[in-house]
Amino acid sequence: MTKPVLFGTLPGGREVFSHSLRNARGMGVSFIDYGGVITRVMAPDRDGIHGNIVLGMSTVEDYAKKSPYFGALVGRYANRIARGRFTLNGRTYHLPVNNGENSLHGGTDNFSHKLWEVTEKGESAATLRLSSPDGDNGYPGRLDVEVTYTLTEDNALRLDYRAVTDAPTVLNLTNHSYFNLAGEGSGSALDQYVTINADHYTPANHQHIPTGEIAPVEGTPMDFRKLTRIADRIREGVEQLSLAGGYDHNFVLNRSGGLHLAAAAYDPGSGRTLTVETDQPGVQFYTGNKLDGTLMGSGGRLYRQGDGYAFETQHFPDSPNHPEFPSTVLNPGEVFTSTTIWRFGTDR
């Protein structure tokens, strides 16, 4: 079993450790207990050469102060809640706003800024736990969360989520890793190819809040039902791309029950492939539109717009304010469970 390594120290003296997972095929994954951040995914290319394919920072200080959720576990509510408020069982709850007028990824002191407890650790799997008290960032109920990372022998990383509450609340959990299958710090990822298993998406307004419409992707730049180069349509003059500065949209997945295909990606240069499976109803496809060359990545190179992309498996943004969307309510006595699997391969 690989022992944890000191990664850094937070203000107040709390130590942050890096943990490593490895399988028999030589693939490795590293994460830190701060935010549950996945810092490295060492995946082989078509020639068997391993390289890190996720964006990240080099210090815990940068993760705490600068990171745009690189590799982090986010919650209680991934994505946005309009105006930082929602009503549940006749009571209105107010959340901290940290994205214009809206609450993003759970608010200011969200799960990505918490020190998670690593309760179980083996060669290829680890479990992280976090207890969020009643009223944390304005959310009702004590929430106990458990996330298990498992690196399988067929080069897949499985993310299993589990949560319980002692009072009615809303919940939307995801991991916010940014991928670049050509390698971290290699430059633009927009020449890579993506497919998303969705006939519909949720259009958003200028604040990235869903309008409530479930719109067809047919005939729009949102149609990724066939493998498509990201760059092919990202500059098309349509309002949705203009408002987001690229892709930053929730796709309504075609589901057949249980785990289903959400998305896939391919880099012709390295031959690396990624397949995303989930049991969630949506996935947010984000092309790193806010990366502006001011952040230095873990490999010592500056990140610019389009240098990575995220597939955030999720329920829909602002669902607590849209009763027509799948419910995100979790009640006492219920157990929230969810699974996302990232499968890594090559074109060989």
Protein backbone atom coordinates (compact mmCIF):
# COMPACT_ATOMS: atom_id res chain seq x y z
CA MET A 1 0.00 0.00 0.00
CA THR A 2 1.38 3.42 -0.97
CA LYS A 3 1.71 5.73 2.00
CA PRO A 4 0.26 9.25 1.81
CA VAL A 5 2.72 12.06 1.13
CA LEU A 6 2.52 15.56 2.60
CA PHE A 7 1.24 17.85 -0.15
CA GLY A 8 1.11 21.11 1.79
CA THR A 9 -0.32 22.99 4.75
CA LEU A 10 -3.49 25.07 4.91
CA PRO A 11 -3.82 28.29 6.91
CA GLY A 12 -4.18 27.32 10.53
CA GLY A 13 -1.69 24.49 10.17
CA ARG A 14 -3.93 21.75 8.78
CA GLU A 15 -1.86 19.31 6.74
CA VAL A 16 -2.98 18.11 3.32
CA PHE A 17 -1.82 14.73 2.05
CA SER A 18 -1.54 13.24 -1.42
CA HIS A 19 -2.70 9.66 -1.93
CA SER A 20 -1.93 7.38 -4.87
CA LEU A 21 -3.83 4.51 -6.46
CA ARG A 22 -2.27 2.05 -8.88
CA ASN A 23 -3.29 -1.02 -10.84
CA ALA A 24 -1.26 -3.94 -12.16
CA ARG A 25 -1.15 -2.43 -15.65
CA GLY A 26 0.86 0.57 -14.46
CA MET A 27 -1.89 3.17 -14.52
CA GLY A 28 -1.91 5.59 -11.59
CA VAL A 29 -4.27 8.13 -10.04
CA SER A 30 -3.36 10.67 -7.35
CA PHE A 31 -5.70 12.74 -5.19
CA ILE A 32 -5.43 14.99 -2.15
CA ASP A 33 -7.72 15.03 0.86
CA TYR A 34 -8.33 18.77 0.37
CA GLY A 35 -11.48 18.89 -1.77
CA GLY A 36 -10.96 15.26 -2.72
CA VAL A 37 -9.10 16.79 -5.67
CA ILE A 38 -7.88 14.36 -8.34
CA THR A 39 -4.47 15.84 -9.14
CA ARG A 40 -3.10 13.29 -11.63
CA VAL A 41 -4.46 10.59 -13.92
CA MET A 42 -1.53 8.78 -15.54
CA ALA A 43 -3.03 7.07 -18.60
CA PRO A 44 -1.16 5.28 -21.40
CA ASP A 45 -1.10 6.49 -25.00
CA ARG A 46 -1.17 4.18 -28.02
CA ASP A 47 2.56 3.44 -27.52
CA GLY A 48 2.09 2.55 -23.87
CA ILE A 49 3.66 5.77 -22.57
CA HIS A 50 1.88 7.07 -19.48
CA GLY A 51 1.13 10.76 -19.10
CA ASN A 52 -1.00 12.97 -16.86
CA ILE A 53 -4.24 13.89 -18.63
CA VAL A 54 -5.97 16.14 -16.06
CA LEU A 55 -5.37 19.82 -15.38
CA GLY A 56 -4.34 20.90 -11.89
CA MET A 57 -2.27 23.13 -9.63
CA SER A 58 1.12 22.47 -8.05
CA THR A 59 0.44 23.65 -4.47
CA VAL A 60 -2.37 23.42 -1.95
CA GLU A 61 -2.30 27.23 -1.71
CA ASP A 62 -3.16 27.47 -5.40
CA TYR A 63 -5.95 24.92 -5.03
CA ALA A 64 -7.35 26.92 -2.11
CA LYS A 65 -7.11 30.38 -3.69
CA LYS A 66 -6.95 30.08 -7.48
CA SER A 67 -8.24 26.77 -8.78
CA PRO A 68 -11.43 26.80 -10.90
CA TYR A 69 -12.47 23.50 -9.27
CA PHE A 70 -9.72 21.46 -10.98
CA GLY A 71 -10.39 17.82 -10.10
CA ALA A 72 -12.51 18.67 -7.06
CA LEU A 73 -15.54 17.09 -5.45
CA VAL A 74 -18.21 19.80 -5.49
CA GLY A 75 -21.41 20.18 -3.47
CA ARG A 76 -23.72 20.39 -1.78
CA TYR A 77 -25.14 21.45 -5.09
CA ALA A 78 -22.97 21.14 -8.19
CA ASN A 79 -23.59 23.81 -10.84
CA ARG A 80 -25.82 26.83 -10.23
CA ILE A 81 -28.82 27.78 -8.13
CA ALA A 82 -30.43 31.02 -9.33
CA ARG A 83 -30.20 34.03 -7.03
CA GLY A 84 -28.83 31.77 -4.30
CA ARG A 85 -32.22 30.64 -3.05
CA PHE A 86 -34.73 27.84 -3.31
CA THR A 87 -37.95 26.78 -1.56
CA LEU A 88 -38.38 23.35 -0.01
CA ASN A 89 -41.53 22.23 1.83
CA GLY A 90 -42.78 25.81 1.99
CA ARG A 91 -39.59 27.30 3.45
CA THR A 92 -37.15 29.46 1.48
CA TYR A 93 -33.43 28.89 1.98
CA HIS A 94 -30.76 31.46 1.18
CA LEU A 95 -27.31 30.44 -0.05
CA PRO A 96 -24.12 32.47 -0.45
CA VAL A 97 -23.79 33.84 -3.98
CA ASN A 98 -20.38 33.42 -5.60
CA ASN A 99 -21.16 33.60 -9.32
CA GLY A 100 -22.76 36.95 -10.05
CA GLU A 101 -26.23 36.78 -8.50
CA ASN A 102 -26.12 32.99 -8.26
CA SER A 103 -24.73 30.26 -6.05
CA LEU A 104 -22.23 28.03 -7.85
CA HIS A 105 -21.12 24.54 -6.78
CA GLY A 106 -22.54 24.93 -3.29
CA GLY A 107 -21.44 28.48 -2.48
CA THR A 108 -18.30 30.05 -1.10
CA ASP A 109 -17.04 27.45 1.39
CA ASN A 110 -18.20 24.46 -0.61
CA PHE A 111 -17.04 20.84 -0.59
CA SER A 112 -14.07 21.64 -2.84
CA HIS A 113 -12.62 23.69 0.04
CA LYS A 114 -13.19 21.09 2.77
CA LEU A 115 -10.63 18.73 4.23
CA TRP A 116 -12.07 15.27 3.62
CA GLU A 117 -11.22 12.29 5.83
CA VAL A 118 -9.68 9.32 4.04
CA THR A 119 -11.22 6.47 6.02
CA GLU A 120 -10.19 3.51 3.89
CA LYS A 121 -7.20 3.18 1.60
CA GLY A 122 -5.85 0.25 -0.42
CA GLU A 123 -3.58 -0.17 -3.40
CA SER A 124 -6.33 0.61 -5.90
CA ALA A 125 -9.23 2.13 -3.92
CA ALA A 126 -9.86 4.81 -1.31
CA THR A 127 -12.89 6.19 0.50
CA LEU A 128 -13.30 9.83 1.52
CA ARG A 129 -15.87 11.07 4.01
CA LEU A 130 -17.25 14.48 4.93
CA SER A 131 -19.90 15.63 7.37
CA SER A 132 -21.70 18.84 6.43
CA PRO A 133 -23.63 20.32 9.39
CA ASP A 134 -27.17 21.64 9.29
CA GLY A 135 -27.10 25.16 7.84
CA ASP A 136 -23.75 24.68 6.10
CA ASN A 137 -23.71 27.35 3.37
CA GLY A 138 -27.43 27.79 4.01
CA TYR A 139 -28.46 24.21 3.20
CA PRO A 140 -30.82 22.42 5.57
CA GLY A 141 -30.04 19.18 7.37
CA ARG A 142 -26.86 17.47 8.42
CA LEU A 143 -25.44 15.67 5.40
CA ASP A 144 -22.96 12.78 5.65
CA VAL A 145 -21.18 12.12 2.37
CA GLU A 146 -18.93 9.27 1.28
CA VAL A 147 -17.06 9.04 -2.03
CA THR A 148 -15.00 6.04 -3.12
CA TYR A 149 -12.39 6.19 -5.87
CA THR A 150 -11.60 2.77 -7.38
CA LEU A 151 -8.97 2.21 -10.08
CA THR A 152 -9.85 -1.01 -11.86
CA GLU A 153 -7.60 -3.47 -13.65
CA ASP A 154 -9.09 -2.50 -17.02
CA ASN A 155 -7.94 1.12 -16.64
CA ALA A 156 -11.19 2.65 -15.40
CA LEU A 157 -11.66 5.04 -12.49
CA ARG A 158 -14.96 4.45 -10.72
CA LEU A 159 -16.47 7.20 -8.54
CA ASP A 160 -19.14 5.98 -6.11
CA TYR A 161 -21.12 8.59 -4.15
CA ARG A 162 -23.26 7.97 -1.07
CA ALA A 163 -25.06 10.46 1.18
CA VAL A 164 -27.68 10.56 3.96
CA THR A 165 -29.41 13.45 5.70
CA ASP A 166 -31.36 14.02 8.91
CA ALA A 167 -33.69 16.64 7.36
CA PRO A 168 -35.09 17.29 3.89
CA THR A 169 -32.46 18.92 1.68
CA VAL A 170 -31.32 19.17 -1.93
CA LEU A 171 -28.21 17.51 -3.27
CA ASN A 172 -26.20 17.40 -6.49
CA LEU A 173 -22.67 15.94 -6.37
CA THR A 174 -20.01 15.67 -9.07
CA ASN A 175 -16.30 15.68 -9.73
CA HIS A 176 -14.96 18.63 -11.71
CA SER A 177 -11.90 17.19 -13.46
CA TYR A 178 -10.67 18.90 -16.62
CA PHE A 179 -9.31 16.49 -19.23
CA ASN A 180 -6.79 16.94 -21.99
CA LEU A 181 -6.09 13.55 -23.54
CA ALA A 182 -2.97 14.89 -25.27
CA GLY A 183 -1.51 15.57 -21.83
CA GLU A 184 -1.69 18.21 -19.11
CA GLY A 185 -0.10 21.47 -20.28
CA SER A 186 0.07 20.36 -23.92
CA GLY A 187 -1.98 23.32 -25.13
CA SER A 188 -5.42 23.49 -26.67
CA ALA A 189 -7.68 20.45 -26.42
CA LEU A 190 -10.15 21.80 -28.98
CA ASP A 191 -8.81 19.55 -31.75
CA GLN A 192 -9.91 16.50 -29.76
CA TYR A 193 -13.15 14.73 -30.59
CA VAL A 194 -16.20 14.36 -28.37
CA THR A 195 -19.52 12.55 -28.46
CA ILE A 196 -22.36 13.17 -26.01
CA ASN A 197 -25.27 10.74 -25.73
CA ALA A 198 -28.02 13.36 -25.66
CA ASP A 199 -30.84 14.30 -28.01
CA HIS A 200 -31.66 17.36 -25.87
CA TYR A 201 -30.02 20.01 -23.71
CA THR A 202 -31.15 22.78 -21.36
CA PRO A 203 -30.59 26.26 -22.87
CA ALA A 204 -29.39 28.87 -20.40
CA ASN A 205 -29.61 32.64 -20.04
CA HIS A 206 -26.74 35.14 -19.78
CA GLN A 207 -26.11 34.03 -16.17
CA HIS A 208 -25.90 30.35 -17.18
CA ILE A 209 -29.25 29.59 -15.50
CA PRO A 210 -31.55 27.20 -17.41
CA THR A 211 -34.56 28.82 -19.00
CA GLY A 212 -36.60 25.69 -18.27
CA GLU A 213 -36.75 24.60 -21.90
CA ILE A 214 -35.66 21.10 -22.91
CA ALA A 215 -34.42 21.81 -26.43
CA PRO A 216 -33.40 19.41 -29.22
CA VAL A 217 -29.74 19.41 -30.23
CA GLU A 218 -30.71 18.61 -33.81
CA GLY A 219 -29.46 21.30 -36.19
CA THR A 220 -27.46 23.15 -33.52
CA PRO A 221 -23.79 23.26 -32.42
CA MET A 222 -24.95 21.24 -29.38
CA ASP A 223 -25.33 18.10 -31.47
CA PHE A 224 -22.52 15.75 -30.39
CA ARG A 225 -24.40 12.54 -31.09
CA LYS A 226 -21.65 11.67 -33.57
CA LEU A 227 -17.95 12.02 -32.80
CA THR A 228 -17.21 15.70 -33.49
CA ARG A 229 -14.08 17.82 -33.19
CA ILE A 230 -14.72 20.33 -30.40
CA ALA A 231 -13.33 23.20 -32.48
CA ASP A 232 -15.62 22.54 -35.44
CA ARG A 233 -18.58 24.55 -34.18
CA ILE A 234 -17.42 26.31 -31.00
CA ARG A 235 -17.15 29.65 -32.82
CA GLU A 236 -20.48 29.46 -34.61
CA GLY A 237 -22.47 32.65 -34.21
CA VAL A 238 -25.30 31.35 -32.07
CA GLU A 239 -26.56 32.92 -28.86
CA GLN A 240 -25.94 29.93 -26.60
CA LEU A 241 -22.23 29.78 -27.46
CA SER A 242 -21.90 33.55 -27.23
CA LEU A 243 -23.47 33.71 -23.76
CA ALA A 244 -21.18 30.98 -22.40
CA GLY A 245 -18.03 31.89 -24.33
CA GLY A 246 -17.94 28.33 -25.64
CA TYR A 247 -19.56 25.17 -24.33
CA ASP A 248 -20.84 25.29 -20.76
CA HIS A 249 -24.14 23.46 -21.07
CA ASN A 250 -26.15 20.72 -19.43
CA PHE A 251 -27.02 17.85 -21.74
CA VAL A 252 -30.11 15.72 -21.08
CA LEU A 253 -28.78 12.20 -21.39
CA ASN A 254 -30.52 9.43 -23.29
CA ARG A 255 -31.06 6.91 -20.51
CA SER A 256 -32.03 3.26 -20.40
CA GLY A 257 -31.82 2.74 -16.63
CA GLY A 258 -28.78 2.17 -14.43
CA LEU A 259 -25.36 3.06 -15.77
CA HIS A 260 -25.49 4.49 -19.27
CA LEU A 261 -23.15 6.17 -21.73
CA ALA A 262 -22.85 9.89 -21.09
CA ALA A 263 -19.94 10.98 -23.26
CA ALA A 264 -16.71 9.94 -24.91
CA ALA A 265 -13.57 11.71 -26.10
CA TYR A 266 -10.67 10.90 -28.43
CA ASP A 267 -7.29 12.49 -29.11
CA PRO A 268 -5.91 11.52 -32.55
CA GLY A 269 -2.37 12.56 -31.65
CA SER A 270 -1.87 10.32 -28.62
CA GLY A 271 -4.55 7.78 -29.45
CA ARG A 272 -6.01 8.13 -25.95
CA THR A 273 -9.73 7.63 -25.45
CA LEU A 274 -12.10 8.38 -22.58
CA THR A 275 -15.59 6.99 -22.07
CA VAL A 276 -17.88 8.39 -19.36
CA GLU A 277 -20.69 6.30 -17.89
CA THR A 278 -23.11 7.48 -15.21
CA ASP A 279 -26.51 6.89 -13.67
CA GLN A 280 -27.22 10.63 -13.51
CA PRO A 281 -29.71 12.34 -15.86
CA GLY A 282 -27.34 15.03 -17.12
CA VAL A 283 -23.77 15.97 -17.93
CA GLN A 284 -22.31 19.47 -18.07
CA PHE A 285 -19.87 19.81 -20.95
CA TYR A 286 -17.48 22.69 -20.22
CA THR A 287 -14.59 23.74 -22.45
CA GLY A 288 -12.53 25.76 -19.95
CA ASN A 289 -13.85 29.07 -21.25
CA LYS A 290 -12.61 31.06 -18.25
CA LEU A 291 -8.99 29.90 -18.48
CA ASP A 292 -7.17 33.09 -19.48
CA GLY A 293 -3.46 32.42 -19.21
CA THR A 294 -3.12 33.61 -15.61
CA LEU A 295 -3.03 30.15 -14.01
CA MET A 296 0.13 28.07 -14.01
CA GLY A 297 -0.64 24.37 -14.12
CA SER A 298 0.92 21.47 -12.29
CA GLY A 299 3.40 20.94 -15.13
CA GLY A 300 4.65 24.53 -15.08
CA ARG A 301 2.76 25.78 -18.14
CA LEU A 302 0.06 28.44 -18.35
CA TYR A 303 -3.52 27.38 -19.03
CA ARG A 304 -5.49 29.17 -21.71
CA GLN A 305 -9.06 28.92 -22.95
CA GLY A 306 -9.83 25.46 -24.29
CA ASP A 307 -6.79 23.75 -22.73
CA GLY A 308 -9.09 21.22 -21.06
CA TYR A 309 -12.72 20.17 -20.88
CA ALA A 310 -14.98 18.74 -18.20
CA PHE A 311 -17.78 16.19 -18.22
CA GLU A 312 -19.63 16.96 -14.97
CA THR A 313 -22.15 14.14 -14.43
CA GLN A 314 -25.06 15.65 -12.55
CA HIS A 315 -28.69 16.50 -12.06
CA PHE A 316 -29.72 19.63 -13.95
CA PRO A 317 -28.61 23.12 -12.87
CA ASP A 318 -31.12 25.04 -10.72
CA SER A 319 -33.37 21.99 -10.39
CA PRO A 320 -34.76 23.09 -6.98
CA ASN A 321 -36.33 26.07 -8.81
CA HIS A 322 -37.58 23.98 -11.75
CA PRO A 323 -40.19 21.42 -10.68
CA GLU A 324 -40.28 20.14 -14.27
CA PHE A 325 -36.66 18.92 -13.91
CA PRO A 326 -35.71 15.62 -12.18
CA SER A 327 -35.90 16.13 -8.42
CA THR A 328 -32.77 16.65 -6.32
CA VAL A 329 -34.56 16.37 -2.97
CA LEU A 330 -33.09 13.97 -0.40
CA ASN A 331 -35.22 13.08 2.62
CA PRO A 332 -34.35 11.45 5.96
CA GLY A 333 -34.38 7.67 5.69
CA GLU A 334 -33.33 7.80 2.03
CA VAL A 335 -29.82 7.00 0.81
CA PHE A 336 -28.45 8.93 -2.14
CA THR A 337 -26.18 6.78 -4.30
CA SER A 338 -24.61 7.52 -7.63
CA THR A 339 -21.83 6.11 -9.79
CA THR A 340 -19.71 7.61 -12.54
CA ILE A 341 -17.06 5.61 -14.41
CA TRP A 342 -14.25 7.05 -16.51
CA ARG A 343 -12.85 4.37 -18.85
CA PHE A 344 -9.45 5.08 -20.36
CA GLY A 345 -8.16 3.36 -23.47
CA THR A 346 -6.41 3.90 -26.79
CA ASP A 347 -7.24 3.51 -30.46
CA ARG A 348 -5.08 0.40 -30.58
